[in-house]
Amino acid sequence: MHTRTASLLLGPTELSVAELSAASLDGEVYPIAGRYCPVDLPVFPSLRAAGLLALLPEHAFVERLSAAWLHGALERQPVHTQIAVPAGVAARSHRGRTLTLRQVAVSPAELTLVGGCPVTTPERTLVDVLLDGALGDTEAVAVAAALAAATAVSPAAAHGALRSRRSVPNRALAERRLSDLTEASRR
């Protein structure tokens, strides 16, 4: 299944860079995780996963905004693909033009597979988005609300997931944002 899904995406092995660029400029394809997808093909999670899977080093998983996109909460792929490896796994943190890799504390229960691609669970992703100090409050709450709607994660489940994390930076920020999310979900 993963091979078949991946074969729907185009890259330099299928077409030259010039052909891909021309097709993109003509509106026939659009970029998805370093590859290109025909515009008439609906974007479903396993297609997004196939593109991301090719970018992941061993033991890595998709996290934060990239995970929200993979779970269907965002229409557009984030400019920076955010991936991580579990703390203790040998990997150097990296921030390139389009990819950010870091080490994080994560339990196996906080990871799942989408289309064969390892990704943080919707609950973990929602909490990570709320904890992200690089995001403004409005953006973080909007992404969290979209993720909750796309995956049926309740604010109560997110609150439980946040409480279960021991020592995390920006806890007060995340709790305030979670309160805003809870309030918005009541309207």
N, C-alpha and C. Protein backbone atom coordinates (compact mmCIF):
# COMPACT_ATOMS: atom_id res chain seq x y z
N MET A 1 0.82 -1.20 0.00
CA MET A 1 0.00 0.00 0.00
C MET A 1 0.86 1.26 0.00
N HIS A 2 1.92 1.25 0.82
CA HIS A 2 2.75 2.45 0.90
C HIS A 2 3.46 2.70 -0.43
N THR A 3 3.92 1.63 -1.09
CA THR A 3 4.59 1.80 -2.37
C THR A 3 3.63 2.34 -3.40
N ARG A 4 2.40 1.81 -3.40
CA ARG A 4 1.41 2.28 -4.36
C ARG A 4 1.08 3.76 -4.12
N THR A 5 0.92 4.14 -2.86
CA THR A 5 0.64 5.54 -2.54
C THR A 5 1.82 6.42 -2.93
N ALA A 6 3.03 5.98 -2.60
CA ALA A 6 4.21 6.76 -2.94
C ALA A 6 4.36 6.92 -4.44
N SER A 7 3.91 5.92 -5.22
CA SER A 7 4.05 6.01 -6.67
C SER A 7 3.13 7.06 -7.27
N LEU A 8 2.16 7.55 -6.52
CA LEU A 8 1.29 8.63 -7.00
C LEU A 8 2.00 9.97 -6.98
N LEU A 9 3.08 10.06 -6.22
CA LEU A 9 3.85 11.30 -6.12
C LEU A 9 4.97 11.29 -7.15
N LEU A 10 5.28 12.45 -7.66
CA LEU A 10 6.31 12.58 -8.69
C LEU A 10 7.56 13.22 -8.12
N GLY A 11 8.69 12.79 -8.61
CA GLY A 11 9.96 13.36 -8.21
C GLY A 11 10.93 13.31 -9.37
N PRO A 12 12.21 13.59 -9.10
CA PRO A 12 13.20 13.63 -10.17
C PRO A 12 13.47 12.29 -10.84
N THR A 13 13.04 11.18 -10.24
CA THR A 13 13.21 9.89 -10.91
C THR A 13 12.12 9.68 -11.97
N GLU A 14 10.97 10.34 -11.81
CA GLU A 14 9.89 10.21 -12.79
C GLU A 14 9.96 11.28 -13.88
N LEU A 15 10.30 12.49 -13.49
CA LEU A 15 10.39 13.61 -14.43
C LEU A 15 11.62 14.44 -14.07
N SER A 16 12.14 15.15 -15.04
CA SER A 16 13.29 16.02 -14.76
C SER A 16 12.85 17.19 -13.89
N VAL A 17 13.79 17.83 -13.24
CA VAL A 17 13.49 18.99 -12.41
C VAL A 17 12.83 20.08 -13.26
N ALA A 18 13.30 20.26 -14.49
CA ALA A 18 12.71 21.26 -15.38
C ALA A 18 11.25 20.92 -15.69
N GLU A 19 10.96 19.64 -15.93
CA GLU A 19 9.58 19.23 -16.22
C GLU A 19 8.68 19.42 -14.99
N LEU A 20 9.20 19.07 -13.82
CA LEU A 20 8.43 19.25 -12.59
C LEU A 20 8.17 20.73 -12.33
N SER A 21 9.18 21.56 -12.54
CA SER A 21 9.01 23.00 -12.35
C SER A 21 7.99 23.57 -13.32
N ALA A 22 8.06 23.15 -14.57
CA ALA A 22 7.10 23.63 -15.57
C ALA A 22 5.69 23.17 -15.23
N ALA A 23 5.54 21.92 -14.82
CA ALA A 23 4.22 21.41 -14.44
C ALA A 23 3.68 22.16 -13.23
N SER A 24 4.55 22.50 -12.31
CA SER A 24 4.13 23.27 -11.13
C SER A 24 3.69 24.67 -11.54
N LEU A 25 4.47 25.32 -12.39
CA LEU A 25 4.11 26.67 -12.86
C LEU A 25 2.81 26.65 -13.66
N ASP A 26 2.56 25.56 -14.38
CA ASP A 26 1.33 25.43 -15.17
C ASP A 26 0.13 25.05 -14.31
N GLY A 27 0.36 24.78 -13.03
CA GLY A 27 -0.74 24.42 -12.14
C GLY A 27 -1.18 22.98 -12.27
N GLU A 28 -0.34 22.13 -12.84
CA GLU A 28 -0.70 20.72 -13.02
C GLU A 28 -0.32 19.87 -11.81
N VAL A 29 0.68 20.32 -11.05
CA VAL A 29 1.12 19.62 -9.84
C VAL A 29 1.40 20.65 -8.76
N TYR A 30 1.45 20.20 -7.53
CA TYR A 30 1.82 21.07 -6.42
C TYR A 30 2.77 20.29 -5.51
N PRO A 31 3.64 21.02 -4.80
CA PRO A 31 4.62 20.33 -3.95
C PRO A 31 3.96 19.73 -2.71
N ILE A 32 4.45 18.55 -2.36
CA ILE A 32 4.00 17.89 -1.13
C ILE A 32 5.19 17.10 -0.57
N ALA A 33 5.73 17.59 0.52
CA ALA A 33 6.82 16.92 1.23
C ALA A 33 7.99 16.55 0.33
N GLY A 34 8.46 17.53 -0.46
CA GLY A 34 9.63 17.30 -1.29
C GLY A 34 9.36 16.57 -2.59
N ARG A 35 8.12 16.24 -2.86
CA ARG A 35 7.72 15.58 -4.11
C ARG A 35 6.62 16.43 -4.73
N TYR A 36 6.00 15.93 -5.78
CA TYR A 36 4.91 16.67 -6.43
C TYR A 36 3.71 15.76 -6.61
N CYS A 37 2.54 16.35 -6.47
CA CYS A 37 1.28 15.61 -6.57
C CYS A 37 0.43 16.23 -7.67
N PRO A 38 -0.19 15.42 -8.53
CA PRO A 38 -1.10 15.97 -9.53
C PRO A 38 -2.27 16.69 -8.85
N VAL A 39 -2.70 17.82 -9.41
CA VAL A 39 -3.74 18.63 -8.78
C VAL A 39 -5.09 17.92 -8.72
N ASP A 40 -5.34 16.97 -9.61
CA ASP A 40 -6.63 16.30 -9.62
C ASP A 40 -6.70 15.12 -8.64
N LEU A 41 -5.63 14.90 -7.91
CA LEU A 41 -5.60 13.82 -6.93
C LEU A 41 -5.95 14.37 -5.56
N PRO A 42 -6.99 13.85 -4.91
CA PRO A 42 -7.32 14.38 -3.58
C PRO A 42 -6.19 14.08 -2.59
N VAL A 43 -5.96 15.03 -1.71
CA VAL A 43 -4.89 14.87 -0.73
C VAL A 43 -5.47 14.17 0.50
N PHE A 44 -5.11 12.93 0.68
CA PHE A 44 -5.56 12.17 1.83
C PHE A 44 -4.35 11.88 2.71
N PRO A 45 -4.57 11.55 3.98
CA PRO A 45 -3.45 11.39 4.91
C PRO A 45 -2.36 10.43 4.44
N SER A 46 -2.73 9.32 3.83
CA SER A 46 -1.68 8.37 3.42
C SER A 46 -0.82 8.94 2.29
N LEU A 47 -1.37 9.83 1.48
CA LEU A 47 -0.57 10.49 0.44
C LEU A 47 0.41 11.47 1.08
N ARG A 48 -0.08 12.23 2.06
CA ARG A 48 0.81 13.13 2.80
C ARG A 48 1.91 12.32 3.48
N ALA A 49 1.53 11.20 4.07
CA ALA A 49 2.49 10.35 4.78
C ALA A 49 3.55 9.81 3.84
N ALA A 50 3.16 9.42 2.64
CA ALA A 50 4.12 8.88 1.67
C ALA A 50 5.20 9.90 1.35
N GLY A 51 4.80 11.16 1.23
CA GLY A 51 5.78 12.20 0.96
C GLY A 51 6.72 12.42 2.14
N LEU A 52 6.16 12.42 3.35
CA LEU A 52 6.98 12.65 4.54
C LEU A 52 7.89 11.47 4.86
N LEU A 53 7.41 10.27 4.60
CA LEU A 53 8.17 9.07 4.94
C LEU A 53 9.55 9.08 4.29
N ALA A 54 9.63 9.60 3.09
CA ALA A 54 10.92 9.64 2.38
C ALA A 54 11.92 10.59 3.05
N LEU A 55 11.43 11.52 3.86
CA LEU A 55 12.30 12.50 4.52
C LEU A 55 12.82 12.04 5.87
N LEU A 56 12.20 11.00 6.45
CA LEU A 56 12.51 10.62 7.82
C LEU A 56 13.75 9.75 7.95
N PRO A 57 14.69 10.17 8.79
CA PRO A 57 15.81 9.27 9.11
C PRO A 57 15.30 8.16 10.04
N GLU A 58 16.13 7.18 10.26
CA GLU A 58 15.77 6.06 11.13
C GLU A 58 15.36 6.56 12.52
N HIS A 59 14.33 5.98 13.07
CA HIS A 59 13.79 6.28 14.40
C HIS A 59 13.04 7.61 14.49
N ALA A 60 12.98 8.37 13.41
CA ALA A 60 12.34 9.69 13.46
C ALA A 60 10.83 9.58 13.29
N PHE A 61 10.15 10.61 13.75
CA PHE A 61 8.70 10.71 13.61
C PHE A 61 8.34 12.16 13.33
N VAL A 62 7.16 12.35 12.80
CA VAL A 62 6.66 13.69 12.46
C VAL A 62 6.02 14.28 13.71
N GLU A 63 6.23 15.59 13.93
CA GLU A 63 5.70 16.23 15.13
C GLU A 63 5.18 17.63 14.85
N ARG A 64 4.62 18.23 15.86
CA ARG A 64 4.12 19.61 15.90
C ARG A 64 3.26 19.97 14.69
N LEU A 65 3.54 21.10 14.02
CA LEU A 65 2.67 21.54 12.91
C LEU A 65 2.65 20.54 11.77
N SER A 66 3.77 19.87 11.52
CA SER A 66 3.79 18.86 10.45
C SER A 66 2.87 17.70 10.81
N ALA A 67 2.83 17.33 12.08
CA ALA A 67 1.92 16.28 12.52
C ALA A 67 0.47 16.74 12.39
N ALA A 68 0.20 17.99 12.74
CA ALA A 68 -1.16 18.53 12.59
C ALA A 68 -1.58 18.47 11.12
N TRP A 69 -0.67 18.79 10.22
CA TRP A 69 -0.95 18.71 8.78
C TRP A 69 -1.21 17.26 8.38
N LEU A 70 -0.38 16.34 8.85
CA LEU A 70 -0.54 14.93 8.52
C LEU A 70 -1.88 14.38 9.03
N HIS A 71 -2.31 14.84 10.20
CA HIS A 71 -3.59 14.41 10.76
C HIS A 71 -4.78 15.10 10.09
N GLY A 72 -4.53 16.03 9.18
CA GLY A 72 -5.61 16.67 8.43
C GLY A 72 -6.11 17.98 8.99
N ALA A 73 -5.40 18.55 9.96
CA ALA A 73 -5.86 19.80 10.57
C ALA A 73 -5.48 21.03 9.75
N LEU A 74 -4.47 20.92 8.92
CA LEU A 74 -4.02 22.05 8.10
C LEU A 74 -4.12 21.67 6.63
N GLU A 75 -4.55 22.62 5.81
CA GLU A 75 -4.63 22.36 4.38
C GLU A 75 -3.25 22.41 3.73
N ARG A 76 -2.44 23.36 4.16
CA ARG A 76 -1.12 23.55 3.55
C ARG A 76 -0.04 22.95 4.44
N GLN A 77 0.90 22.31 3.80
CA GLN A 77 2.03 21.75 4.53
C GLN A 77 2.86 22.90 5.09
N PRO A 78 3.28 22.82 6.36
CA PRO A 78 4.15 23.86 6.91
C PRO A 78 5.43 24.01 6.10
N VAL A 79 5.96 25.22 6.06
CA VAL A 79 7.19 25.49 5.32
C VAL A 79 8.33 24.63 5.85
N HIS A 80 8.44 24.53 7.17
CA HIS A 80 9.45 23.67 7.80
C HIS A 80 8.80 22.36 8.19
N THR A 81 9.34 21.26 7.70
CA THR A 81 8.89 19.94 8.13
C THR A 81 9.52 19.69 9.49
N GLN A 82 8.68 19.43 10.48
CA GLN A 82 9.15 19.26 11.85
C GLN A 82 9.16 17.78 12.20
N ILE A 83 10.36 17.25 12.42
CA ILE A 83 10.50 15.85 12.80
C ILE A 83 11.36 15.76 14.05
N ALA A 84 11.29 14.62 14.70
CA ALA A 84 12.04 14.42 15.94
C ALA A 84 12.43 12.96 16.07
N VAL A 85 13.37 12.72 16.96
CA VAL A 85 13.72 11.36 17.37
C VAL A 85 13.58 11.31 18.88
N PRO A 86 13.31 10.13 19.42
CA PRO A 86 13.20 10.02 20.88
C PRO A 86 14.51 10.42 21.56
N ALA A 87 14.40 11.04 22.72
CA ALA A 87 15.58 11.39 23.51
C ALA A 87 16.41 10.14 23.74
N GLY A 88 17.71 10.28 23.60
CA GLY A 88 18.60 9.14 23.78
C GLY A 88 18.98 8.45 22.48
N VAL A 89 18.24 8.71 21.42
CA VAL A 89 18.59 8.14 20.11
C VAL A 89 19.64 9.04 19.48
N ALA A 90 20.68 8.44 18.97
CA ALA A 90 21.77 9.22 18.38
C ALA A 90 21.30 9.96 17.13
N ALA A 91 21.25 11.25 17.24
CA ALA A 91 20.91 12.12 16.10
C ALA A 91 21.30 13.53 16.48
N ARG A 92 21.76 14.27 15.53
CA ARG A 92 22.10 15.66 15.78
C ARG A 92 20.90 16.53 15.46
N SER A 93 20.64 17.48 16.32
CA SER A 93 19.60 18.44 16.01
C SER A 93 19.99 19.16 14.73
N HIS A 94 19.00 19.44 13.93
CA HIS A 94 19.27 20.04 12.63
C HIS A 94 18.15 21.01 12.28
N ARG A 95 18.51 22.15 11.77
CA ARG A 95 17.52 23.08 11.25
C ARG A 95 18.03 23.54 9.89
N GLY A 96 17.41 23.04 8.87
CA GLY A 96 17.77 23.41 7.51
C GLY A 96 16.73 24.36 6.94
N ARG A 97 16.83 24.57 5.65
CA ARG A 97 15.89 25.48 4.99
C ARG A 97 14.45 24.98 5.09
N THR A 98 14.27 23.66 5.01
CA THR A 98 12.91 23.13 5.00
C THR A 98 12.67 22.02 6.00
N LEU A 99 13.64 21.73 6.86
CA LEU A 99 13.51 20.61 7.78
C LEU A 99 14.09 20.95 9.14
N THR A 100 13.36 20.62 10.19
CA THR A 100 13.85 20.78 11.55
C THR A 100 13.81 19.42 12.23
N LEU A 101 14.95 18.98 12.77
CA LEU A 101 15.05 17.72 13.49
C LEU A 101 15.54 18.00 14.89
N ARG A 102 14.87 17.42 15.88
CA ARG A 102 15.29 17.61 17.27
C ARG A 102 15.03 16.33 18.05
N GLN A 103 15.60 16.25 19.24
CA GLN A 103 15.36 15.12 20.15
C GLN A 103 14.32 15.55 21.16
N VAL A 104 13.36 14.67 21.44
CA VAL A 104 12.33 14.98 22.43
C VAL A 104 12.03 13.75 23.27
N ALA A 105 11.55 14.00 24.48
CA ALA A 105 11.08 12.91 25.34
C ALA A 105 9.69 12.52 24.84
N VAL A 106 9.53 11.27 24.49
CA VAL A 106 8.25 10.78 23.97
C VAL A 106 8.10 9.31 24.38
N SER A 107 6.89 8.94 24.74
CA SER A 107 6.64 7.53 25.08
C SER A 107 6.06 6.84 23.84
N PRO A 108 6.23 5.53 23.73
CA PRO A 108 5.65 4.81 22.59
C PRO A 108 4.14 5.02 22.47
N ALA A 109 3.45 5.23 23.59
CA ALA A 109 2.01 5.45 23.56
C ALA A 109 1.64 6.78 22.91
N GLU A 110 2.61 7.69 22.78
CA GLU A 110 2.35 9.00 22.17
C GLU A 110 2.63 9.02 20.67
N LEU A 111 2.94 7.85 20.12
CA LEU A 111 3.22 7.74 18.68
C LEU A 111 2.22 6.80 18.03
N THR A 112 1.92 7.09 16.77
CA THR A 112 1.04 6.25 15.99
C THR A 112 1.55 6.24 14.55
N LEU A 113 0.91 5.46 13.70
CA LEU A 113 1.26 5.43 12.29
C LEU A 113 0.10 5.98 11.47
N VAL A 114 0.41 6.83 10.53
CA VAL A 114 -0.57 7.31 9.55
C VAL A 114 0.01 6.97 8.19
N GLY A 115 -0.64 6.08 7.47
CA GLY A 115 -0.13 5.67 6.17
C GLY A 115 1.27 5.11 6.24
N GLY A 116 1.61 4.46 7.36
CA GLY A 116 2.94 3.88 7.54
C GLY A 116 3.98 4.85 8.05
N CYS A 117 3.60 6.11 8.24
CA CYS A 117 4.53 7.14 8.69
C CYS A 117 4.38 7.36 10.19
N PRO A 118 5.46 7.23 10.96
CA PRO A 118 5.36 7.49 12.40
C PRO A 118 5.11 8.97 12.68
N VAL A 119 4.16 9.22 13.56
CA VAL A 119 3.72 10.59 13.86
C VAL A 119 3.22 10.62 15.30
N THR A 120 3.29 11.77 15.93
CA THR A 120 2.72 11.89 17.27
C THR A 120 1.21 11.72 17.18
N THR A 121 0.63 11.17 18.24
CA THR A 121 -0.82 10.99 18.28
C THR A 121 -1.51 12.35 18.22
N PRO A 122 -2.78 12.37 17.86
CA PRO A 122 -3.49 13.66 17.86
C PRO A 122 -3.43 14.38 19.21
N GLU A 123 -3.55 13.64 20.32
CA GLU A 123 -3.50 14.27 21.64
C GLU A 123 -2.14 14.90 21.89
N ARG A 124 -1.08 14.15 21.61
CA ARG A 124 0.28 14.67 21.81
C ARG A 124 0.51 15.87 20.88
N THR A 125 0.05 15.77 19.65
CA THR A 125 0.22 16.86 18.69
C THR A 125 -0.48 18.11 19.17
N LEU A 126 -1.69 17.97 19.66
CA LEU A 126 -2.45 19.13 20.14
C LEU A 126 -1.71 19.80 21.29
N VAL A 127 -1.22 19.01 22.23
CA VAL A 127 -0.48 19.57 23.36
C VAL A 127 0.81 20.24 22.87
N ASP A 128 1.52 19.60 21.95
CA ASP A 128 2.76 20.20 21.42
C ASP A 128 2.49 21.55 20.75
N VAL A 129 1.40 21.65 20.02
CA VAL A 129 1.05 22.92 19.36
C VAL A 129 0.76 23.99 20.42
N LEU A 130 0.03 23.62 21.47
CA LEU A 130 -0.28 24.58 22.53
C LEU A 130 0.97 25.00 23.30
N LEU A 131 1.95 24.12 23.40
CA LEU A 131 3.20 24.42 24.11
C LEU A 131 4.18 25.24 23.29
N ASP A 132 3.97 25.32 21.99
CA ASP A 132 4.94 25.94 21.08
C ASP A 132 4.94 27.46 21.23
N GLY A 133 5.97 27.97 21.89
CA GLY A 133 6.09 29.41 22.11
C GLY A 133 6.41 30.20 20.86
N ALA A 134 6.83 29.52 19.79
CA ALA A 134 7.11 30.21 18.53
C ALA A 134 5.82 30.59 17.79
N LEU A 135 4.71 29.97 18.18
CA LEU A 135 3.42 30.29 17.57
C LEU A 135 2.72 31.36 18.39
N GLY A 136 2.03 32.24 17.73
CA GLY A 136 1.20 33.20 18.43
C GLY A 136 -0.02 32.49 19.00
N ASP A 137 -0.66 33.11 19.99
CA ASP A 137 -1.82 32.50 20.63
C ASP A 137 -2.93 32.19 19.63
N THR A 138 -3.23 33.13 18.76
CA THR A 138 -4.32 32.95 17.81
C THR A 138 -4.04 31.76 16.89
N GLU A 139 -2.82 31.69 16.37
CA GLU A 139 -2.46 30.58 15.48
C GLU A 139 -2.49 29.25 16.21
N ALA A 140 -1.92 29.19 17.40
CA ALA A 140 -1.86 27.94 18.16
C ALA A 140 -3.27 27.43 18.48
N VAL A 141 -4.14 28.32 18.93
CA VAL A 141 -5.51 27.91 19.27
C VAL A 141 -6.28 27.50 18.01
N ALA A 142 -6.06 28.21 16.90
CA ALA A 142 -6.74 27.86 15.65
C ALA A 142 -6.30 26.49 15.15
N VAL A 143 -5.00 26.21 15.19
CA VAL A 143 -4.50 24.90 14.77
C VAL A 143 -5.03 23.82 15.71
N ALA A 144 -5.01 24.09 17.01
CA ALA A 144 -5.51 23.11 17.98
C ALA A 144 -6.99 22.83 17.76
N ALA A 145 -7.77 23.86 17.47
CA ALA A 145 -9.21 23.68 17.20
C ALA A 145 -9.42 22.86 15.94
N ALA A 146 -8.65 23.14 14.90
CA ALA A 146 -8.76 22.38 13.65
C ALA A 146 -8.35 20.92 13.87
N LEU A 147 -7.32 20.70 14.67
CA LEU A 147 -6.87 19.35 14.97
C LEU A 147 -7.93 18.60 15.78
N ALA A 148 -8.50 19.28 16.76
CA ALA A 148 -9.56 18.67 17.56
C ALA A 148 -10.74 18.27 16.67
N ALA A 149 -11.10 19.14 15.74
CA ALA A 149 -12.22 18.84 14.83
C ALA A 149 -11.88 17.71 13.87
N ALA A 150 -10.65 17.69 13.36
CA ALA A 150 -10.26 16.68 12.38
C ALA A 150 -10.08 15.29 12.99
N THR A 151 -9.75 15.25 14.28
CA THR A 151 -9.41 13.97 14.90
C THR A 151 -10.30 13.60 16.08
N ALA A 152 -11.26 14.44 16.40
CA ALA A 152 -12.18 14.21 17.52
C ALA A 152 -11.48 14.16 18.88
N VAL A 153 -10.39 14.90 19.02
CA VAL A 153 -9.73 15.03 20.33
C VAL A 153 -10.47 16.12 21.09
N SER A 154 -10.93 15.80 22.28
CA SER A 154 -11.65 16.78 23.08
C SER A 154 -10.67 17.63 23.88
N PRO A 155 -11.07 18.85 24.24
CA PRO A 155 -10.23 19.65 25.12
C PRO A 155 -9.93 18.92 26.44
N ALA A 156 -10.87 18.12 26.92
CA ALA A 156 -10.64 17.37 28.16
C ALA A 156 -9.51 16.35 27.98
N ALA A 157 -9.49 15.68 26.83
CA ALA A 157 -8.41 14.72 26.54
C ALA A 157 -7.07 15.45 26.43
N ALA A 158 -7.09 16.62 25.80
CA ALA A 158 -5.87 17.41 25.69
C ALA A 158 -5.39 17.86 27.06
N HIS A 159 -6.33 18.24 27.92
CA HIS A 159 -5.96 18.65 29.28
C HIS A 159 -5.31 17.48 30.03
N GLY A 160 -5.88 16.29 29.88
CA GLY A 160 -5.29 15.10 30.51
C GLY A 160 -3.90 14.80 29.97
N ALA A 161 -3.73 14.96 28.66
CA ALA A 161 -2.41 14.72 28.05
C ALA A 161 -1.39 15.74 28.54
N LEU A 162 -1.81 16.99 28.71
CA LEU A 162 -0.90 18.02 29.21
C LEU A 162 -0.53 17.73 30.67
N ARG A 163 -1.51 17.35 31.47
CA ARG A 163 -1.25 17.03 32.89
C ARG A 163 -0.29 15.85 33.02
N SER A 164 -0.37 14.89 32.10
CA SER A 164 0.47 13.70 32.21
C SER A 164 1.93 13.96 31.87
N ARG A 165 2.20 15.07 31.22
CA ARG A 165 3.58 15.43 30.89
C ARG A 165 4.19 16.10 32.12
N ARG A 166 5.28 15.59 32.59
CA ARG A 166 5.86 16.08 33.84
C ARG A 166 6.40 17.49 33.71
N SER A 167 7.61 17.59 33.31
CA SER A 167 8.28 18.89 33.26
C SER A 167 8.36 19.35 31.81
N VAL A 168 7.55 20.34 31.48
CA VAL A 168 7.57 20.85 30.11
C VAL A 168 7.68 22.37 30.14
N PRO A 169 8.43 22.93 29.21
CA PRO A 169 8.48 24.39 29.12
C PRO A 169 7.16 24.92 28.59
N ASN A 170 6.82 26.11 28.97
CA ASN A 170 5.61 26.79 28.49
C ASN A 170 4.30 26.16 28.97
N ARG A 171 4.34 25.46 30.10
CA ARG A 171 3.11 24.83 30.61
C ARG A 171 2.02 25.88 30.85
N ALA A 172 2.36 26.99 31.49
CA ALA A 172 1.35 28.03 31.76
C ALA A 172 0.77 28.58 30.46
N LEU A 173 1.62 28.76 29.46
CA LEU A 173 1.16 29.22 28.15
C LEU A 173 0.18 28.21 27.55
N ALA A 174 0.53 26.93 27.59
CA ALA A 174 -0.34 25.89 27.04
C ALA A 174 -1.66 25.81 27.80
N GLU A 175 -1.62 25.95 29.12
CA GLU A 175 -2.86 25.89 29.90
C GLU A 175 -3.77 27.06 29.57
N ARG A 176 -3.19 28.24 29.37
CA ARG A 176 -3.99 29.41 28.99
C ARG A 176 -4.61 29.19 27.61
N ARG A 177 -3.81 28.70 26.68
CA ARG A 177 -4.32 28.43 25.33
C ARG A 177 -5.38 27.34 25.35
N LEU A 178 -5.19 26.33 26.18
CA LEU A 178 -6.17 25.26 26.29
C LEU A 178 -7.48 25.80 26.86
N SER A 179 -7.39 26.73 27.80
CA SER A 179 -8.59 27.39 28.32
C SER A 179 -9.31 28.15 27.21
N ASP A 180 -8.54 28.84 26.36
CA ASP A 180 -9.13 29.55 25.21
C ASP A 180 -9.79 28.57 24.25
N LEU A 181 -9.14 27.43 24.02
CA LEU A 181 -9.69 26.40 23.13
C LEU A 181 -10.99 25.84 23.70
N THR A 182 -10.99 25.56 25.00
CA THR A 182 -12.19 25.03 25.65
C THR A 182 -13.33 26.03 25.55
N GLU A 183 -13.03 27.29 25.80
CA GLU A 183 -14.05 28.35 25.70
C GLU A 183 -14.59 28.45 24.28
N ALA A 184 -13.71 28.40 23.30
CA ALA A 184 -14.13 28.50 21.89
C ALA A 184 -14.98 27.30 21.48
N SER A 185 -14.69 26.12 22.03
CA SER A 185 -15.45 24.93 21.66
C SER A 185 -16.86 24.94 22.25
N ARG A 186 -17.09 25.75 23.25
CA ARG A 186 -18.43 25.86 23.87
C ARG A 186 -19.35 26.77 23.07
N ARG A 187 -18.77 27.61 22.21
CA ARG A 187 -19.59 28.56 21.44
C ARG A 187 -20.27 27.90 20.29
